Amino acid sequence: MNDRSETLRPARHSLAFSRLTPDGASESVDRALAEEVPVAIEYNGAGYAVLMATPTDIGDLVQGFSLAERLVSREDASLDIDVYDTGAGIIARATLPPHRTDGLLERVRHRASESSCGLCGIENLEQAIRPLPRVTATSQADRVAIFRALGALGDHQPLNAATGAAHAAAWAGADGRIRLVREDVGRHNAFDKLIGAMARADASWDGGFALLSSRCSYELVEKAVLADCPLLVTISAPTRLAAERAAQAGLPIIALARSDALLARDPD
């Protein structure tokens, strides 16, 4: 595997700004900005998607994205991924196993949205909200563990500490200790990177949970379910669709997770 994603390019750069204050003063300051580049993902030689992402942990990103797109399952081996920096962006070339080729062709067909006929529109809507499997894993974490992870998350976000512009996705154990974190300018990318890193390391949730520095969108719920995450904790609130999809899949969610309170919802 030619995964050189850790050394492709830095995750942040500094630019000069003028700092203005209400009293009319100004000064020149250097500000670290998070990097964001196009990442083109190819499967078996076919272009599939272009994501805007932080150029780190690209192999993890592709692995997690592939699971979220249902091109592979948790039972499949890690993908063979080649990552290249073209200057204009990054190309990630992944090879799917032979028994997943039909699924690739089906997903490519549904992602091609040039047609706007009524029947195609209905078909695309059905693909947008596809049935989810049931979560089979169980979290052993209590509220003490969740507050512990919340308090420690900032110490595991170096890119956000430098730029104030990156999301984090963390895997916390049942005791609340943070075991792994991935950062990205996109909340979906950060979670894909975390899920991908765990899949490539053949790591299970081990009674723990996922902690995300974002709102709980339905896409993040779906990623959690497909990764068999036993508990999803997010800093901000869920949408109604996210809460409903989580309940249907048997995924407990905790939202508006702050240092002084949590908002919990168990599946129906």
Protein backbone atom coordinates (compact mmCIF):
# COMPACT_ATOMS: atom_id res chain seq x y z
CA MET A 1 0.00 0.00 0.00
CA ASN A 2 1.42 3.34 -1.05
CA ASP A 3 -0.29 5.44 1.63
CA ARG A 4 1.92 8.52 1.97
CA SER A 5 -0.94 10.59 3.39
CA GLU A 6 0.94 11.67 6.51
CA THR A 7 3.60 13.56 4.53
CA LEU A 8 1.66 14.93 1.56
CA ARG A 9 1.51 18.54 2.75
CA PRO A 10 1.06 20.38 6.06
CA ALA A 11 -2.36 20.61 7.68
CA ARG A 12 -2.02 24.35 8.29
CA HIS A 13 -0.31 27.47 6.97
CA SER A 14 0.23 30.94 8.37
CA LEU A 15 -0.94 34.11 6.63
CA ALA A 16 -0.59 37.77 7.61
CA PHE A 17 -3.69 39.62 8.82
CA SER A 18 -4.41 43.03 10.30
CA ARG A 19 -5.92 42.86 13.79
CA LEU A 20 -8.40 45.68 14.32
CA THR A 21 -9.79 46.75 17.71
CA PRO A 22 -12.80 48.94 18.61
CA ASP A 23 -10.56 51.78 19.79
CA GLY A 24 -9.12 52.19 16.27
CA ALA A 25 -5.82 50.41 16.87
CA SER A 26 -4.43 47.89 14.39
CA GLU A 27 -1.48 45.56 14.27
CA SER A 28 -0.07 42.98 11.88
CA VAL A 29 -0.41 39.39 13.06
CA ASP A 30 0.28 35.97 11.61
CA ARG A 31 -2.64 33.59 11.83
CA ALA A 32 -2.53 29.82 11.33
CA LEU A 33 -5.19 28.65 8.89
CA ALA A 34 -6.35 25.08 8.37
CA GLU A 35 -5.54 23.64 4.97
CA GLU A 36 -8.40 22.47 2.75
CA VAL A 37 -7.77 20.74 -0.58
CA PRO A 38 -9.77 18.69 -3.08
CA VAL A 39 -9.38 14.94 -2.62
CA ALA A 40 -10.47 12.89 -5.63
CA ILE A 41 -11.38 9.31 -4.75
CA GLU A 42 -11.21 6.59 -7.39
CA TYR A 43 -12.25 2.97 -7.11
CA ASN A 44 -10.89 0.35 -9.47
CA GLY A 45 -9.81 3.09 -11.86
CA ALA A 46 -13.17 4.90 -11.94
CA GLY A 47 -13.67 8.41 -10.54
CA TYR A 48 -16.24 8.37 -7.73
CA ALA A 49 -16.20 11.53 -5.60
CA VAL A 50 -14.27 14.70 -4.81
CA LEU A 51 -14.16 15.80 -1.18
CA MET A 52 -12.78 18.99 0.32
CA ALA A 53 -10.62 17.85 3.21
CA THR A 54 -7.60 18.48 5.38
CA PRO A 55 -4.69 16.68 3.65
CA THR A 56 -3.84 14.30 6.51
CA ASP A 57 -4.81 10.68 7.17
CA ILE A 58 -6.13 10.31 3.63
CA GLY A 59 -5.95 6.52 3.74
CA ASP A 60 -8.15 6.54 6.85
CA LEU A 61 -10.53 8.96 5.13
CA VAL A 62 -10.95 6.72 2.08
CA GLN A 63 -11.45 3.60 4.20
CA GLY A 64 -14.13 5.25 6.34
CA PHE A 65 -15.80 6.93 3.36
CA SER A 66 -15.97 3.56 1.58
CA LEU A 67 -17.77 2.04 4.56
CA ALA A 68 -20.18 4.98 4.75
CA GLU A 69 -20.93 4.61 1.03
CA ARG A 70 -21.57 0.88 1.61
CA LEU A 71 -18.95 -0.05 -0.93
CA VAL A 72 -17.35 -2.29 1.70
CA SER A 73 -18.51 -3.73 5.01
CA ARG A 74 -16.88 -4.11 8.40
CA GLU A 75 -16.13 -7.72 7.51
CA ASP A 76 -14.01 -6.81 4.48
CA ALA A 77 -10.25 -6.46 4.72
CA SER A 78 -8.67 -3.01 4.62
CA LEU A 79 -8.55 -1.51 1.15
CA ASP A 80 -5.39 -1.16 -0.90
CA ILE A 81 -5.10 2.63 -1.23
CA ASP A 82 -2.56 4.67 -3.20
CA VAL A 83 -2.41 8.39 -2.41
CA TYR A 84 -0.76 11.03 -4.62
CA ASP A 85 -0.38 14.79 -4.40
CA THR A 86 -0.77 16.37 -7.85
CA GLY A 87 -0.18 19.94 -6.70
CA ALA A 88 -3.74 20.90 -7.63
CA GLY A 89 -5.10 18.40 -5.14
CA ILE A 90 -4.86 14.83 -3.93
CA ILE A 91 -5.84 11.66 -5.76
CA ALA A 92 -6.64 8.57 -3.71
CA ARG A 93 -6.92 5.34 -5.70
CA ALA A 94 -8.55 2.42 -3.91
CA THR A 95 -9.04 -1.14 -5.11
CA LEU A 96 -12.25 -2.88 -4.10
CA PRO A 97 -12.35 -6.67 -3.71
CA PRO A 98 -13.94 -8.51 -6.67
CA HIS A 99 -17.15 -9.34 -4.80
CA ARG A 100 -17.77 -5.59 -4.26
CA THR A 101 -17.59 -4.55 -7.93
CA ASP A 102 -21.34 -4.82 -8.53
CA GLY A 103 -22.00 -2.55 -5.56
CA LEU A 104 -19.60 0.02 -7.00
CA LEU A 105 -21.39 0.07 -10.35
CA GLU A 106 -24.75 0.45 -8.61
CA ARG A 107 -23.57 3.36 -6.47
CA VAL A 108 -21.94 5.13 -9.43
CA ARG A 109 -25.22 4.86 -11.30
CA HIS A 110 -27.15 6.48 -8.46
CA ARG A 111 -24.57 9.20 -7.93
CA ALA A 112 -24.86 10.27 -11.56
CA SER A 113 -27.61 12.88 -11.22
CA GLU A 114 -27.62 14.45 -14.65
CA SER A 115 -31.16 13.24 -15.35
CA SER A 116 -34.06 15.11 -13.72
CA CYS A 117 -36.98 12.97 -14.81
CA GLY A 118 -39.62 12.15 -12.22
CA LEU A 119 -38.85 8.45 -11.90
CA CYS A 120 -35.12 9.09 -11.58
CA GLY A 121 -35.84 11.68 -8.92
CA ILE A 122 -37.89 9.21 -6.89
CA GLU A 123 -35.16 6.60 -7.24
CA ASN A 124 -32.49 9.05 -6.07
CA LEU A 125 -34.59 10.06 -3.04
CA GLU A 126 -34.93 6.41 -2.05
CA GLN A 127 -31.17 6.04 -2.29
CA ALA A 128 -30.66 9.13 -0.13
CA ILE A 129 -32.55 7.62 2.84
CA ARG A 130 -31.68 3.93 2.64
CA PRO A 131 -32.59 1.39 5.33
CA LEU A 132 -30.01 1.02 8.08
CA PRO A 133 -28.90 -2.14 9.85
CA ARG A 134 -29.37 -2.48 13.60
CA VAL A 135 -26.50 -1.60 15.90
CA THR A 136 -25.27 -4.75 17.61
CA ALA A 137 -22.52 -3.34 19.85
CA THR A 138 -23.24 -2.09 23.37
CA SER A 139 -21.56 0.77 25.21
CA GLN A 140 -20.56 0.35 28.84
CA ALA A 141 -19.83 4.05 29.34
CA ASP A 142 -21.72 5.97 32.01
CA ARG A 143 -22.17 9.72 32.36
CA VAL A 144 -18.94 10.01 34.36
CA ALA A 145 -17.02 8.52 31.42
CA ILE A 146 -18.69 10.84 28.94
CA PHE A 147 -17.90 13.95 30.99
CA ARG A 148 -14.32 12.70 31.32
CA ALA A 149 -13.96 12.40 27.54
CA LEU A 150 -15.54 15.81 27.02
CA GLY A 151 -13.04 17.39 29.39
CA ALA A 152 -10.09 15.78 27.62
CA LEU A 153 -11.11 16.29 24.00
CA GLY A 154 -9.47 19.69 23.61
CA ASP A 155 -6.09 18.24 24.52
CA HIS A 156 -6.35 15.95 21.48
CA GLN A 157 -7.16 18.68 18.93
CA PRO A 158 -3.83 20.27 17.92
CA LEU A 159 -5.11 21.47 14.53
CA ASN A 160 -8.14 23.14 16.04
CA ALA A 161 -6.04 24.64 18.83
CA ALA A 162 -3.82 26.28 16.21
CA THR A 163 -6.53 27.36 13.76
CA GLY A 164 -9.93 27.27 15.46
CA ALA A 165 -11.29 25.72 12.27
CA ALA A 166 -11.18 21.93 12.60
CA HIS A 167 -13.65 19.32 13.79
CA ALA A 168 -12.62 16.29 15.80
CA ALA A 169 -13.95 12.75 15.98
CA ALA A 170 -12.78 10.69 18.94
CA TRP A 171 -13.04 7.08 20.04
CA ALA A 172 -13.35 6.93 23.80
CA GLY A 173 -13.22 3.78 25.87
CA ALA A 174 -15.85 2.69 28.36
CA ASP A 175 -13.88 4.54 31.04
CA GLY A 176 -13.95 7.79 29.08
CA ARG A 177 -10.27 7.76 28.18
CA ILE A 178 -9.74 8.96 24.61
CA ARG A 179 -8.01 6.29 22.57
CA LEU A 180 -7.92 7.78 19.08
CA VAL A 181 -8.76 11.13 17.45
CA ARG A 182 -8.88 12.37 13.89
CA GLU A 183 -9.27 16.02 12.85
CA ASP A 184 -10.49 17.66 9.65
CA VAL A 185 -12.11 20.88 8.48
CA GLY A 186 -15.19 18.80 7.68
CA ARG A 187 -17.13 17.02 10.42
CA HIS A 188 -18.02 14.15 8.07
CA ASN A 189 -14.39 13.77 7.02
CA ALA A 190 -13.21 13.68 10.63
CA PHE A 191 -15.63 10.86 11.46
CA ASP A 192 -14.75 8.97 8.28
CA LYS A 193 -11.07 9.26 9.22
CA LEU A 194 -11.71 7.92 12.71
CA ILE A 195 -13.85 5.01 11.48
CA GLY A 196 -11.33 4.27 8.75
CA ALA A 197 -8.40 4.32 11.17
CA MET A 198 -10.21 1.91 13.47
CA ALA A 199 -11.08 -0.40 10.59
CA ARG A 200 -7.52 -0.43 9.31
CA ALA A 201 -6.28 -1.26 12.82
CA ASP A 202 -9.01 -3.91 13.22
CA ALA A 203 -10.16 -2.11 16.37
CA SER A 204 -13.63 -2.53 17.87
CA TRP A 205 -15.48 0.03 19.98
CA ASP A 206 -14.79 -2.15 23.03
CA GLY A 207 -17.72 -0.86 25.05
CA GLY A 208 -16.83 2.76 24.38
CA PHE A 209 -18.35 5.48 22.22
CA ALA A 210 -17.76 8.10 19.55
CA LEU A 211 -17.44 11.76 20.56
CA LEU A 212 -17.85 14.38 17.82
CA SER A 213 -17.22 18.14 18.06
CA SER A 214 -20.22 18.91 15.86
CA ARG A 215 -23.98 18.73 15.64
CA CYS A 216 -25.65 15.35 15.22
CA SER A 217 -26.68 15.21 11.56
CA TYR A 218 -28.39 12.23 9.97
CA GLU A 219 -25.27 11.55 7.90
CA LEU A 220 -23.18 11.20 11.04
CA VAL A 221 -25.81 8.91 12.55
CA GLU A 222 -25.63 6.73 9.44
CA LYS A 223 -21.84 6.59 9.58
CA ALA A 224 -22.02 5.57 13.24
CA VAL A 225 -24.59 2.84 12.55
CA LEU A 226 -22.66 1.40 9.61
CA ALA A 227 -19.55 1.30 11.82
CA ASP A 228 -21.59 -0.47 14.54
CA CYS A 229 -20.86 2.33 16.97
CA PRO A 230 -22.66 1.61 20.28
CA LEU A 231 -23.13 5.24 21.37
CA LEU A 232 -22.82 8.57 19.55
CA VAL A 233 -22.04 11.71 21.57
CA THR A 234 -22.05 15.13 19.90
CA ILE A 235 -21.32 18.62 21.17
CA SER A 236 -24.32 20.24 19.45
CA ALA A 237 -27.94 19.27 18.89
CA PRO A 238 -29.38 16.64 16.56
CA THR A 239 -31.84 17.21 13.76
CA ARG A 240 -35.20 15.44 13.97
CA LEU A 241 -34.22 13.14 11.12
CA ALA A 242 -30.98 12.23 12.89
CA ALA A 243 -32.84 11.37 16.10
CA GLU A 244 -35.39 9.28 14.22
CA ARG A 245 -32.79 7.43 12.16
CA ALA A 246 -30.78 6.67 15.30
CA ALA A 247 -33.85 5.28 17.06
CA GLN A 248 -34.73 3.09 14.08
CA ALA A 249 -31.23 1.60 14.04
CA GLY A 250 -31.01 1.13 17.81
CA LEU A 251 -28.28 3.77 18.25
CA PRO A 252 -28.33 5.70 21.56
CA ILE A 253 -27.35 9.34 21.10
CA ILE A 254 -26.22 12.02 23.52
CA ALA A 255 -26.32 15.58 22.20
CA LEU A 256 -25.62 19.07 23.48
CA ALA A 257 -22.85 17.43 25.45
CA ARG A 258 -21.34 20.19 27.55
CA SER A 259 -19.33 20.32 30.75
CA ASP A 260 -22.46 20.93 32.86
CA ALA A 261 -25.13 18.74 31.23
CA LEU A 262 -25.97 16.12 28.61
CA LEU A 263 -29.10 15.53 26.53
CA ALA A 264 -29.64 11.77 26.20
CA ARG A 265 -32.03 9.82 23.98
CA ASP A 266 -32.25 6.04 24.01
CA PRO A 267 -33.69 4.11 21.04
CA ASP A 268 -37.38 3.30 21.15
